[in-house]
Amino acid sequence: MSPLTQGLRYRAACDAWFMLLLTSGVRQGCVLAPALLCVAIDWIPRHTKDKPGIEVDREHFSDLVYADDTAFLVNTTSDAVSSLGSFQDTASALGLRISWPKTKLQNLAAGH
């Protein structure tokens, strides 16, 4: 069952749990749209198979997310291809897709 058809559980003020079946998204301009997008955008990188990333000191960084944009931090072109493919597969479970015409690659490494 996909995450969109599983539904949403929430607790009301009276401590009762309710289950809402999610079958479609929200209309553009709805006040819930940004909050739901943030939940989805945070969920996708955590559930991708490939997380190459970079090491800074002892910390591992794999991506930067801002609004509906994601930047992958990778060392090689093959890592970039792997990360984008994994991201696309995971995002498709939520009904989202990568806009390939808007996708950009930028090399920040010196001498490569």
C-alpha atoms as a PDB file:
ATOM      1  CA  MET A   1       0.000   0.000   0.000  1.00  0.00           C
ATOM      2  CA  SER A   2       1.440   3.392  -0.917  1.00  0.00           C
ATOM      3  CA  PRO A   3       1.885   6.146   1.725  1.00  0.00           C
ATOM      4  CA  LEU A   4      -0.912   8.182   0.113  1.00  0.00           C
ATOM      5  CA  THR A   5      -3.515   5.432   0.489  1.00  0.00           C
ATOM      6  CA  GLN A   6      -2.509   4.399   4.017  1.00  0.00           C
ATOM      7  CA  GLY A   7      -4.157   7.416   5.554  1.00  0.00           C
ATOM      8  CA  LEU A   8      -3.349   9.811   8.329  1.00  0.00           C
ATOM      9  CA  ARG A   9      -3.837   9.244  12.055  1.00  0.00           C
ATOM     10  CA  TYR A  10      -4.369  12.188  14.346  1.00  0.00           C
ATOM     11  CA  ARG A  11      -5.452  12.670  17.920  1.00  0.00           C
ATOM     12  CA  ALA A  12      -8.225  15.099  18.722  1.00  0.00           C
ATOM     13  CA  ALA A  13      -8.488  17.205  21.884  1.00  0.00           C
ATOM     14  CA  CYS A  14     -10.684  14.535  23.462  1.00  0.00           C
ATOM     15  CA  ASP A  15      -7.809  11.967  23.234  1.00  0.00           C
ATOM     16  CA  ALA A  16      -9.646   9.967  20.592  1.00  0.00           C
ATOM     17  CA  TRP A  17      -7.708   8.773  17.524  1.00  0.00           C
ATOM     18  CA  PHE A  18      -9.176   9.294  14.071  1.00  0.00           C
ATOM     19  CA  MET A  19      -8.054   7.832  10.757  1.00  0.00           C
ATOM     20  CA  LEU A  20      -8.379   9.915   7.595  1.00  0.00           C
ATOM     21  CA  LEU A  21      -8.014   8.169   4.247  1.00  0.00           C
ATOM     22  CA  LEU A  22      -5.856  10.260   1.921  1.00  0.00           C
ATOM     23  CA  THR A  23      -6.846   9.676  -1.681  1.00  0.00           C
ATOM     24  CA  SER A  24      -5.758  12.912  -3.326  1.00  0.00           C
ATOM     25  CA  GLY A  25      -3.685  16.010  -2.714  1.00  0.00           C
ATOM     26  CA  VAL A  26      -4.704  19.535  -1.770  1.00  0.00           C
ATOM     27  CA  ARG A  27      -5.630  22.403  -4.040  1.00  0.00           C
ATOM     28  CA  GLN A  28      -2.990  24.919  -4.972  1.00  0.00           C
ATOM     29  CA  GLY A  29      -3.136  27.838  -2.544  1.00  0.00           C
ATOM     30  CA  CYS A  30      -4.482  25.717   0.305  1.00  0.00           C
ATOM     31  CA  VAL A  31      -2.859  26.577   3.643  1.00  0.00           C
ATOM     32  CA  LEU A  32      -2.057  22.867   4.158  1.00  0.00           C
ATOM     33  CA  ALA A  33      -0.055  22.584   0.922  1.00  0.00           C
ATOM     34  CA  PRO A  34       3.277  23.966   2.242  1.00  0.00           C
ATOM     35  CA  ALA A  35       3.116  21.864   5.403  1.00  0.00           C
ATOM     36  CA  LEU A  36       2.330  18.666   3.488  1.00  0.00           C
ATOM     37  CA  LEU A  37       5.091  19.397   0.979  1.00  0.00           C
ATOM     38  CA  CYS A  38       7.600  19.845   3.828  1.00  0.00           C
ATOM     39  CA  VAL A  39       6.609  16.483   5.270  1.00  0.00           C
ATOM     40  CA  ALA A  40       7.054  14.787   1.889  1.00  0.00           C
ATOM     41  CA  ILE A  41      10.339  16.547   1.070  1.00  0.00           C
ATOM     42  CA  ASP A  42      11.771  15.579   4.478  1.00  0.00           C
ATOM     43  CA  TRP A  43      10.573  11.979   4.117  1.00  0.00           C
ATOM     44  CA  ILE A  44      12.071  11.308   0.671  1.00  0.00           C
ATOM     45  CA  PRO A  45      15.822  11.729   1.440  1.00  0.00           C
ATOM     46  CA  ARG A  46      15.503   9.657   4.616  1.00  0.00           C
ATOM     47  CA  HIS A  47      14.037   6.740   2.637  1.00  0.00           C
ATOM     48  CA  THR A  48      16.276   6.724  -0.445  1.00  0.00           C
ATOM     49  CA  LYS A  49      18.467   3.659  -0.971  1.00  0.00           C
ATOM     50  CA  ASP A  50      21.633   5.475  -2.101  1.00  0.00           C
ATOM     51  CA  LYS A  51      23.081   8.135   0.195  1.00  0.00           C
ATOM     52  CA  PRO A  52      26.674   8.730  -0.965  1.00  0.00           C
ATOM     53  CA  GLY A  53      27.172  12.223   0.486  1.00  0.00           C
ATOM     54  CA  ILE A  54      30.345  13.910   1.679  1.00  0.00           C
ATOM     55  CA  GLU A  55      32.264  13.906   4.952  1.00  0.00           C
ATOM     56  CA  VAL A  56      33.064  17.170   6.742  1.00  0.00           C
ATOM     57  CA  ASP A  57      35.058  16.613   9.917  1.00  0.00           C
ATOM     58  CA  ARG A  58      33.177  13.608  11.377  1.00  0.00           C
ATOM     59  CA  GLU A  59      29.777  14.554   9.982  1.00  0.00           C
ATOM     60  CA  HIS A  60      28.112  12.962   6.948  1.00  0.00           C
ATOM     61  CA  PHE A  61      26.031  15.188   4.649  1.00  0.00           C
ATOM     62  CA  SER A  62      24.035  13.724   1.765  1.00  0.00           C
ATOM     63  CA  ASP A  63      21.655  16.505   0.746  1.00  0.00           C
ATOM     64  CA  LEU A  64      20.429  20.042   1.335  1.00  0.00           C
ATOM     65  CA  VAL A  65      16.709  20.744   1.105  1.00  0.00           C
ATOM     66  CA  TYR A  66      15.076  24.167   0.756  1.00  0.00           C
ATOM     67  CA  ALA A  67      11.352  24.476  -0.024  1.00  0.00           C
ATOM     68  CA  ASP A  68      10.831  22.158  -3.022  1.00  0.00           C
ATOM     69  CA  ASP A  69      14.505  22.141  -4.099  1.00  0.00           C
ATOM     70  CA  THR A  70      17.027  19.470  -3.170  1.00  0.00           C
ATOM     71  CA  ALA A  71      20.802  19.577  -3.656  1.00  0.00           C
ATOM     72  CA  PHE A  72      22.734  16.306  -3.430  1.00  0.00           C
ATOM     73  CA  LEU A  73      26.272  16.484  -2.107  1.00  0.00           C
ATOM     74  CA  VAL A  74      28.264  13.831  -3.959  1.00  0.00           C
ATOM     75  CA  ASN A  75      31.875  13.172  -4.914  1.00  0.00           C
ATOM     76  CA  THR A  76      31.467  11.650  -8.386  1.00  0.00           C
ATOM     77  CA  THR A  77      29.155  11.802 -11.386  1.00  0.00           C
ATOM     78  CA  SER A  78      28.175   8.174 -10.809  1.00  0.00           C
ATOM     79  CA  ASP A  79      27.150   9.069  -7.236  1.00  0.00           C
ATOM     80  CA  ALA A  80      25.007  11.891  -8.655  1.00  0.00           C
ATOM     81  CA  VAL A  81      23.289   9.536 -11.108  1.00  0.00           C
ATOM     82  CA  SER A  82      22.718   6.978  -8.348  1.00  0.00           C
ATOM     83  CA  SER A  83      21.327   9.608  -5.925  1.00  0.00           C
ATOM     84  CA  LEU A  84      18.976  11.099  -8.513  1.00  0.00           C
ATOM     85  CA  GLY A  85      17.672   7.672  -9.520  1.00  0.00           C
ATOM     86  CA  SER A  86      17.101   6.640  -5.921  1.00  0.00           C
ATOM     87  CA  PHE A  87      15.424   9.984  -5.156  1.00  0.00           C
ATOM     88  CA  GLN A  88      13.129   9.590  -8.171  1.00  0.00           C
ATOM     89  CA  ASP A  89      12.143   6.048  -7.166  1.00  0.00           C
ATOM     90  CA  THR A  90      11.377   7.096  -3.595  1.00  0.00           C
ATOM     91  CA  ALA A  91       9.503  10.270  -4.625  1.00  0.00           C
ATOM     92  CA  SER A  92       7.319   8.310  -7.037  1.00  0.00           C
ATOM     93  CA  ALA A  93       5.853   6.438  -4.034  1.00  0.00           C
ATOM     94  CA  LEU A  94       4.335   9.798  -3.012  1.00  0.00           C
ATOM     95  CA  GLY A  95       3.205  10.684  -6.523  1.00  0.00           C
ATOM     96  CA  LEU A  96       6.043  13.194  -6.983  1.00  0.00           C
ATOM     97  CA  ARG A  97       8.535  13.315  -9.848  1.00  0.00           C
ATOM     98  CA  ILE A  98      11.789  15.032 -10.738  1.00  0.00           C
ATOM     99  CA  SER A  99      11.541  17.745 -13.377  1.00  0.00           C
ATOM    100  CA  TRP A 100      14.471  16.654 -15.550  1.00  0.00           C
ATOM    101  CA  PRO A 101      14.514  19.865 -17.662  1.00  0.00           C
ATOM    102  CA  LYS A 102      15.024  21.859 -14.433  1.00  0.00           C
ATOM    103  CA  THR A 103      17.688  19.495 -13.027  1.00  0.00           C
ATOM    104  CA  LYS A 104      21.199  20.975 -12.923  1.00  0.00           C
ATOM    105  CA  LEU A 105      24.616  19.524 -12.082  1.00  0.00           C
ATOM    106  CA  GLN A 106      27.352  21.730 -10.672  1.00  0.00           C
ATOM    107  CA  ASN A 107      30.940  20.662 -10.062  1.00  0.00           C
ATOM    108  CA  LEU A 108      32.489  22.489  -7.112  1.00  0.00           C
ATOM    109  CA  ALA A 109      35.654  20.396  -6.836  1.00  0.00           C
ATOM    110  CA  ALA A 110      38.920  21.993  -7.918  1.00  0.00           C
ATOM    111  CA  GLY A 111      40.707  20.250 -10.772  1.00  0.00           C
ATOM    112  CA  HIS A 112      37.859  17.880 -11.755  1.00  0.00           C
END
